[in-house]
PDB file of all heavy atoms in Angstrom:
ATOM      1  N   SER A   1      -2.511  -8.784   2.450  1.00  0.00           N
ATOM      2  CA  SER A   1      -3.960  -8.669   2.208  1.00  0.00           C
ATOM      3  C   SER A   1      -4.554  -7.494   2.987  1.00  0.00           C
ATOM      4  O   SER A   1      -5.344  -6.708   2.431  1.00  0.00           O
ATOM      5  CB  SER A   1      -4.667  -9.963   2.606  1.00  0.00           C
ATOM      6  OG  SER A   1      -4.224 -11.048   1.817  1.00  0.00           O
ATOM      7  N   SER A   2      -4.189  -7.349   4.254  1.00  0.00           N
ATOM      8  CA  SER A   2      -4.745  -6.270   5.082  1.00  0.00           C
ATOM      9  C   SER A   2      -4.338  -4.905   4.536  1.00  0.00           C
ATOM     10  O   SER A   2      -5.151  -3.990   4.451  1.00  0.00           O
ATOM     11  CB  SER A   2      -4.276  -6.402   6.527  1.00  0.00           C
ATOM     12  OG  SER A   2      -4.870  -7.532   7.137  1.00  0.00           O
ATOM     13  N   MET A   3      -3.067  -4.759   4.183  1.00  0.00           N
ATOM     14  CA  MET A   3      -2.578  -3.481   3.656  1.00  0.00           C
ATOM     15  C   MET A   3      -3.310  -3.085   2.386  1.00  0.00           C
ATOM     16  O   MET A   3      -3.684  -1.920   2.206  1.00  0.00           O
ATOM     17  CB  MET A   3      -1.072  -3.559   3.369  1.00  0.00           C
ATOM     18  CG  MET A   3      -0.206  -3.349   4.598  1.00  0.00           C
ATOM     19  SD  MET A   3      -0.259  -1.640   5.169  1.00  0.00           S
ATOM     20  CE  MET A   3       1.305  -1.470   5.987  1.00  0.00           C
ATOM     21  N   ILE A   4      -3.546  -4.052   1.524  1.00  0.00           N
ATOM     22  CA  ILE A   4      -4.230  -3.756   0.260  1.00  0.00           C
ATOM     23  C   ILE A   4      -5.694  -3.413   0.514  1.00  0.00           C
ATOM     24  O   ILE A   4      -6.249  -2.493  -0.111  1.00  0.00           O
ATOM     25  CB  ILE A   4      -4.084  -4.937  -0.717  1.00  0.00           C
ATOM     26  CG1 ILE A   4      -2.622  -5.026  -1.183  1.00  0.00           C
ATOM     27  CG2 ILE A   4      -5.017  -4.783  -1.909  1.00  0.00           C
ATOM     28  CD1 ILE A   4      -2.299  -6.242  -1.997  1.00  0.00           C
ATOM     29  N   GLU A   5      -6.339  -4.124   1.430  1.00  0.00           N
ATOM     30  CA  GLU A   5      -7.741  -3.810   1.761  1.00  0.00           C
ATOM     31  C   GLU A   5      -7.859  -2.414   2.362  1.00  0.00           C
ATOM     32  O   GLU A   5      -8.789  -1.666   2.053  1.00  0.00           O
ATOM     33  CB  GLU A   5      -8.292  -4.858   2.730  1.00  0.00           C
ATOM     34  CG  GLU A   5      -8.563  -6.202   2.074  1.00  0.00           C
ATOM     35  CD  GLU A   5      -9.064  -7.229   3.075  1.00  0.00           C
ATOM     36  OE1 GLU A   5      -9.634  -6.821   4.097  1.00  0.00           O
ATOM     37  OE2 GLU A   5      -8.877  -8.437   2.839  1.00  0.00           O
ATOM     38  N   VAL A   6      -6.918  -2.061   3.236  1.00  0.00           N
ATOM     39  CA  VAL A   6      -6.890  -0.735   3.832  1.00  0.00           C
ATOM     40  C   VAL A   6      -6.687   0.326   2.739  1.00  0.00           C
ATOM     41  O   VAL A   6      -7.366   1.353   2.699  1.00  0.00           O
ATOM     42  CB  VAL A   6      -5.768  -0.638   4.885  1.00  0.00           C
ATOM     43  CG1 VAL A   6      -5.439   0.811   5.216  1.00  0.00           C
ATOM     44  CG2 VAL A   6      -6.184  -1.389   6.156  1.00  0.00           C
ATOM     45  N   SER A   7      -5.747   0.062   1.826  1.00  0.00           N
ATOM     46  CA  SER A   7      -5.472   1.000   0.729  1.00  0.00           C
ATOM     47  C   SER A   7      -6.711   1.187  -0.154  1.00  0.00           C
ATOM     48  O   SER A   7      -7.019   2.308  -0.572  1.00  0.00           O
ATOM     49  CB  SER A   7      -4.311   0.489  -0.130  1.00  0.00           C
ATOM     50  OG  SER A   7      -3.153   0.336   0.642  1.00  0.00           O
ATOM     51  N   LYS A   8      -7.407   0.088  -0.409  1.00  0.00           N
ATOM     52  CA  LYS A   8      -8.615   0.158  -1.242  1.00  0.00           C
ATOM     53  C   LYS A   8      -9.663   1.039  -0.577  1.00  0.00           C
ATOM     54  O   LYS A   8     -10.295   1.883  -1.235  1.00  0.00           O
ATOM     55  CB  LYS A   8      -9.159  -1.247  -1.463  1.00  0.00           C
ATOM     56  CG  LYS A   8     -10.372  -1.289  -2.396  1.00  0.00           C
ATOM     57  CD  LYS A   8     -10.835  -2.734  -2.619  1.00  0.00           C
ATOM     58  CE  LYS A   8     -12.029  -2.758  -3.557  1.00  0.00           C
ATOM     59  NZ  LYS A   8     -12.502  -4.153  -3.787  1.00  0.00           N
ATOM     60  N   TYR A   9      -9.857   0.871   0.719  1.00  0.00           N
ATOM     61  CA  TYR A   9     -10.820   1.693   1.449  1.00  0.00           C
ATOM     62  C   TYR A   9     -10.445   3.171   1.343  1.00  0.00           C
ATOM     63  O   TYR A   9     -11.290   4.038   1.095  1.00  0.00           O
ATOM     64  CB  TYR A   9     -10.871   1.268   2.922  1.00  0.00           C
ATOM     65  CG  TYR A   9     -11.734   2.169   3.783  1.00  0.00           C
ATOM     66  CD1 TYR A   9     -13.075   1.863   4.030  1.00  0.00           C
ATOM     67  CD2 TYR A   9     -11.224   3.341   4.347  1.00  0.00           C
ATOM     68  CE1 TYR A   9     -13.865   2.688   4.800  1.00  0.00           C
ATOM     69  CE2 TYR A   9     -12.011   4.186   5.115  1.00  0.00           C
ATOM     70  CZ  TYR A   9     -13.330   3.851   5.337  1.00  0.00           C
ATOM     71  OH  TYR A   9     -14.119   4.699   6.104  1.00  0.00           O
ATOM     72  N   LEU A  10      -9.159   3.468   1.556  1.00  0.00           N
ATOM     73  CA  LEU A  10      -8.689   4.855   1.532  1.00  0.00           C
ATOM     74  C   LEU A  10      -8.913   5.480   0.168  1.00  0.00           C
ATOM     75  O   LEU A  10      -9.384   6.620   0.054  1.00  0.00           O
ATOM     76  CB  LEU A  10      -7.211   4.919   1.919  1.00  0.00           C
ATOM     77  CG  LEU A  10      -6.878   4.502   3.356  1.00  0.00           C
ATOM     78  CD1 LEU A  10      -5.373   4.372   3.540  1.00  0.00           C
ATOM     79  CD2 LEU A  10      -7.459   5.506   4.351  1.00  0.00           C
ATOM     80  N   LYS A  11      -8.581   4.762  -0.905  1.00  0.00           N
ATOM     81  CA  LYS A  11      -8.766   5.283  -2.258  1.00  0.00           C
ATOM     82  C   LYS A  11     -10.247   5.487  -2.587  1.00  0.00           C
ATOM     83  O   LYS A  11     -10.650   6.502  -3.180  1.00  0.00           O
ATOM     84  CB  LYS A  11      -8.131   4.334  -3.270  1.00  0.00           C
ATOM     85  CG  LYS A  11      -6.619   4.367  -3.297  1.00  0.00           C
ATOM     86  CD  LYS A  11      -6.090   5.626  -3.989  1.00  0.00           C
ATOM     87  CE  LYS A  11      -4.586   5.548  -4.215  1.00  0.00           C
ATOM     88  NZ  LYS A  11      -4.061   6.691  -4.982  1.00  0.00           N
ATOM     89  N   GLU A  12     -11.074   4.518  -2.167  1.00  0.00           N
ATOM     90  CA  GLU A  12     -12.510   4.611  -2.448  1.00  0.00           C
ATOM     91  C   GLU A  12     -13.157   5.776  -1.699  1.00  0.00           C
ATOM     92  O   GLU A  12     -14.219   6.249  -2.096  1.00  0.00           O
ATOM     93  CB  GLU A  12     -13.206   3.292  -2.072  1.00  0.00           C
ATOM     94  CG  GLU A  12     -12.904   2.153  -3.035  1.00  0.00           C
ATOM     95  CD  GLU A  12     -13.542   0.842  -2.611  1.00  0.00           C
ATOM     96  OE1 GLU A  12     -14.014   0.786  -1.429  1.00  0.00           O
ATOM     97  OE2 GLU A  12     -13.552  -0.109  -3.398  1.00  0.00           O
ATOM     98  N   ASN A  13     -12.498   6.210  -0.605  1.00  0.00           N
ATOM     99  CA  ASN A  13     -13.046   7.309   0.191  1.00  0.00           C
ATOM    100  C   ASN A  13     -12.319   8.628  -0.070  1.00  0.00           C
ATOM    101  O   ASN A  13     -12.348   9.537   0.760  1.00  0.00           O
ATOM    102  CB  ASN A  13     -13.019   6.960   1.667  1.00  0.00           C
ATOM    103  CG  ASN A  13     -14.111   5.989   2.054  1.00  0.00           C
ATOM    104  OD1 ASN A  13     -15.218   6.387   2.396  1.00  0.00           O
ATOM    105  ND2 ASN A  13     -13.812   4.696   1.967  1.00  0.00           N
ATOM    106  N   GLY A  14     -11.678   8.708  -1.240  1.00  0.00           N
ATOM    107  CA  GLY A  14     -11.170  10.001  -1.702  1.00  0.00           C
ATOM    108  C   GLY A  14      -9.726  10.331  -1.385  1.00  0.00           C
ATOM    109  O   GLY A  14      -9.285  11.461  -1.618  1.00  0.00           O
ATOM    110  N   ALA A  15      -8.960   9.378  -0.853  1.00  0.00           N
ATOM    111  CA  ALA A  15      -7.541   9.656  -0.579  1.00  0.00           C
ATOM    112  C   ALA A  15      -6.813   9.942  -1.889  1.00  0.00           C
ATOM    113  O   ALA A  15      -7.131   9.369  -2.938  1.00  0.00           O
ATOM    114  CB  ALA A  15      -6.895   8.477   0.133  1.00  0.00           C
ATOM    115  N   ASN A  16      -5.850  10.830  -1.823  1.00  0.00           N
ATOM    116  CA  ASN A  16      -5.073  11.199  -3.013  1.00  0.00           C
ATOM    117  C   ASN A  16      -4.040  10.114  -3.294  1.00  0.00           C
ATOM    118  O   ASN A  16      -4.259   9.211  -4.079  1.00  0.00           O
ATOM    119  CB  ASN A  16      -4.419  12.569  -2.816  1.00  0.00           C
ATOM    120  CG  ASN A  16      -3.660  13.023  -4.047  1.00  0.00           C
ATOM    121  OD1 ASN A  16      -3.922  12.577  -5.151  1.00  0.00           O
ATOM    122  ND2 ASN A  16      -2.690  13.904  -3.850  1.00  0.00           N
ATOM    123  N   LYS A  17      -2.888  10.161  -2.612  1.00  0.00           N
ATOM    124  CA  LYS A  17      -1.871   9.131  -2.761  1.00  0.00           C
ATOM    125  C   LYS A  17      -1.785   8.298  -1.489  1.00  0.00           C
ATOM    126  O   LYS A  17      -2.007   8.808  -0.391  1.00  0.00           O
ATOM    127  CB  LYS A  17      -0.510   9.751  -3.064  1.00  0.00           C
ATOM    128  CG  LYS A  17      -0.448  10.408  -4.436  1.00  0.00           C
ATOM    129  CD  LYS A  17       0.966  10.797  -4.807  1.00  0.00           C
ATOM    130  CE  LYS A  17       1.018  11.316  -6.238  1.00  0.00           C
ATOM    131  NZ  LYS A  17       2.399  11.663  -6.646  1.00  0.00           N
ATOM    132  N   VAL A  18      -1.464   7.020  -1.651  1.00  0.00           N
ATOM    133  CA  VAL A  18      -1.336   6.111  -0.516  1.00  0.00           C
ATOM    134  C   VAL A  18       0.060   5.494  -0.537  1.00  0.00           C
ATOM    135  O   VAL A  18       0.437   4.796  -1.492  1.00  0.00           O
ATOM    136  CB  VAL A  18      -2.399   4.994  -0.546  1.00  0.00           C
ATOM    137  CG1 VAL A  18      -2.150   3.979   0.559  1.00  0.00           C
ATOM    138  CG2 VAL A  18      -3.794   5.583  -0.425  1.00  0.00           C
ATOM    139  N   TYR A  19       0.838   5.780   0.510  1.00  0.00           N
ATOM    140  CA  TYR A  19       2.182   5.230   0.655  1.00  0.00           C
ATOM    141  C   TYR A  19       2.170   4.186   1.770  1.00  0.00           C
ATOM    142  O   TYR A  19       1.810   4.489   2.906  1.00  0.00           O
ATOM    143  CB  TYR A  19       3.188   6.328   1.007  1.00  0.00           C
ATOM    144  CG  TYR A  19       3.182   7.499   0.063  1.00  0.00           C
ATOM    145  CD1 TYR A  19       2.808   8.771   0.490  1.00  0.00           C
ATOM    146  CD2 TYR A  19       3.530   7.335  -1.282  1.00  0.00           C
ATOM    147  CE1 TYR A  19       2.804   9.851  -0.379  1.00  0.00           C
ATOM    148  CE2 TYR A  19       3.526   8.409  -2.158  1.00  0.00           C
ATOM    149  CZ  TYR A  19       3.158   9.662  -1.699  1.00  0.00           C
ATOM    150  OH  TYR A  19       3.150  10.725  -2.570  1.00  0.00           O
ATOM    151  N   LEU A  20       2.563   2.959   1.449  1.00  0.00           N
ATOM    152  CA  LEU A  20       2.655   1.899   2.438  1.00  0.00           C
ATOM    153  C   LEU A  20       4.088   1.880   2.993  1.00  0.00           C
ATOM    154  O   LEU A  20       5.053   1.953   2.221  1.00  0.00           O
ATOM    155  CB  LEU A  20       2.329   0.550   1.810  1.00  0.00           C
ATOM    156  CG  LEU A  20       1.005   0.470   1.021  1.00  0.00           C
ATOM    157  CD1 LEU A  20       0.800  -0.940   0.460  1.00  0.00           C
ATOM    158  CD2 LEU A  20      -0.168   0.870   1.900  1.00  0.00           C
ATOM    159  N   VAL A  21       4.224   1.801   4.304  1.00  0.00           N
ATOM    160  CA  VAL A  21       5.530   1.831   4.961  1.00  0.00           C
ATOM    161  C   VAL A  21       5.660   0.639   5.903  1.00  0.00           C
ATOM    162  O   VAL A  21       4.775   0.406   6.737  1.00  0.00           O
ATOM    163  CB  VAL A  21       5.713   3.144   5.761  1.00  0.00           C
ATOM    164  CG1 VAL A  21       6.993   3.098   6.584  1.00  0.00           C
ATOM    165  CG2 VAL A  21       5.744   4.343   4.814  1.00  0.00           C
ATOM    166  N   SER A  22       6.743  -0.123   5.750  1.00  0.00           N
ATOM    167  CA  SER A  22       6.946  -1.294   6.591  1.00  0.00           C
ATOM    168  C   SER A  22       8.433  -1.584   6.717  1.00  0.00           C
ATOM    169  O   SER A  22       9.167  -1.498   5.726  1.00  0.00           O
ATOM    170  CB  SER A  22       6.221  -2.506   6.001  1.00  0.00           C
ATOM    171  OG  SER A  22       6.499  -3.661   6.739  1.00  0.00           O
ATOM    172  N   THR A  23       8.881  -1.928   7.919  1.00  0.00           N
ATOM    173  CA  THR A  23      10.293  -2.287   8.111  1.00  0.00           C
ATOM    174  C   THR A  23      10.636  -3.551   7.336  1.00  0.00           C
ATOM    175  O   THR A  23      11.688  -3.646   6.708  1.00  0.00           O
ATOM    176  CB  THR A  23      10.592  -2.503   9.604  1.00  0.00           C
ATOM    177  OG1 THR A  23      10.211  -1.324  10.320  1.00  0.00           O
ATOM    178  CG2 THR A  23      12.071  -2.773   9.837  1.00  0.00           C
ATOM    179  N   PHE A  24       9.733  -4.531   7.384  1.00  0.00           N
ATOM    180  CA  PHE A  24       9.974  -5.819   6.714  1.00  0.00           C
ATOM    181  C   PHE A  24       8.860  -6.084   5.701  1.00  0.00           C
ATOM    182  O   PHE A  24       7.711  -6.293   6.086  1.00  0.00           O
ATOM    183  CB  PHE A  24      10.027  -6.957   7.735  1.00  0.00           C
ATOM    184  CG  PHE A  24      11.059  -6.761   8.813  1.00  0.00           C
ATOM    185  CD1 PHE A  24      10.675  -6.406  10.096  1.00  0.00           C
ATOM    186  CD2 PHE A  24      12.403  -6.904   8.537  1.00  0.00           C
ATOM    187  CE1 PHE A  24      11.608  -6.220  11.093  1.00  0.00           C
ATOM    188  CE2 PHE A  24      13.358  -6.721   9.539  1.00  0.00           C
ATOM    189  CZ  PHE A  24      12.954  -6.363  10.820  1.00  0.00           C
ATOM    190  N   ALA A  25       9.217  -6.075   4.426  1.00  0.00           N
ATOM    191  CA  ALA A  25       8.260  -6.406   3.371  1.00  0.00           C
ATOM    192  C   ALA A  25       8.446  -7.879   3.011  1.00  0.00           C
ATOM    193  O   ALA A  25       9.174  -8.232   2.076  1.00  0.00           O
ATOM    194  CB  ALA A  25       8.473  -5.524   2.155  1.00  0.00           C
ATOM    195  N   LEU A  26       7.804  -8.760   3.784  1.00  0.00           N
ATOM    196  CA  LEU A  26       7.973 -10.195   3.572  1.00  0.00           C
ATOM    197  C   LEU A  26       7.251 -10.663   2.313  1.00  0.00           C
ATOM    198  O   LEU A  26       7.748 -11.532   1.599  1.00  0.00           O
ATOM    199  CB  LEU A  26       7.463 -10.972   4.798  1.00  0.00           C
ATOM    200  CG  LEU A  26       8.078 -10.561   6.148  1.00  0.00           C
ATOM    201  CD1 LEU A  26       7.514 -11.429   7.270  1.00  0.00           C
ATOM    202  CD2 LEU A  26       9.591 -10.634   6.124  1.00  0.00           C
ATOM    203  N   LEU A  27       6.062 -10.127   2.068  1.00  0.00           N
ATOM    204  CA  LEU A  27       5.261 -10.461   0.881  1.00  0.00           C
ATOM    205  C   LEU A  27       5.239 -11.978   0.668  1.00  0.00           C
ATOM    206  O   LEU A  27       5.684 -12.501  -0.356  1.00  0.00           O
ATOM    207  CB  LEU A  27       5.792  -9.760  -0.364  1.00  0.00           C
ATOM    208  CG  LEU A  27       5.979  -8.227  -0.279  1.00  0.00           C
ATOM    209  CD1 LEU A  27       6.250  -7.641  -1.651  1.00  0.00           C
ATOM    210  CD2 LEU A  27       4.808  -7.554   0.364  1.00  0.00           C
ATOM    211  N   THR A  28       4.703 -12.671   1.652  1.00  0.00           N
ATOM    212  CA  THR A  28       4.778 -14.137   1.690  1.00  0.00           C
ATOM    213  C   THR A  28       3.997 -14.835   0.589  1.00  0.00           C
ATOM    214  O   THR A  28       4.203 -16.026   0.359  1.00  0.00           O
ATOM    215  CB  THR A  28       4.272 -14.652   3.056  1.00  0.00           C
ATOM    216  OG1 THR A  28       2.951 -14.147   3.297  1.00  0.00           O
ATOM    217  CG2 THR A  28       5.198 -14.202   4.171  1.00  0.00           C
ATOM    218  N   GLU A  29       3.119 -14.113  -0.100  1.00  0.00           N
ATOM    219  CA  GLU A  29       2.374 -14.717  -1.210  1.00  0.00           C
ATOM    220  C   GLU A  29       2.889 -14.235  -2.560  1.00  0.00           C
ATOM    221  O   GLU A  29       2.223 -14.367  -3.575  1.00  0.00           O
ATOM    222  CB  GLU A  29       0.885 -14.423  -1.059  1.00  0.00           C
ATOM    223  CG  GLU A  29       0.266 -15.094   0.159  1.00  0.00           C
ATOM    224  CD  GLU A  29      -1.229 -14.839   0.294  1.00  0.00           C
ATOM    225  OE1 GLU A  29      -1.807 -14.217  -0.620  1.00  0.00           O
ATOM    226  OE2 GLU A  29      -1.810 -15.257   1.320  1.00  0.00           O
ATOM    227  N   GLY A  30       4.100 -13.662  -2.564  1.00  0.00           N
ATOM    228  CA  GLY A  30       4.718 -13.208  -3.802  1.00  0.00           C
ATOM    229  C   GLY A  30       4.290 -11.813  -4.200  1.00  0.00           C
ATOM    230  O   GLY A  30       3.451 -11.188  -3.547  1.00  0.00           O
TER     231      GLY A  30
END
């Protein structure tokens, strides 16, 4: 949820591409 909210803010404020980087992608909600 936090990563997606952060990404949304970045895109809404003019970011070009957004790459998420994480050692462990648990994705506990599927």
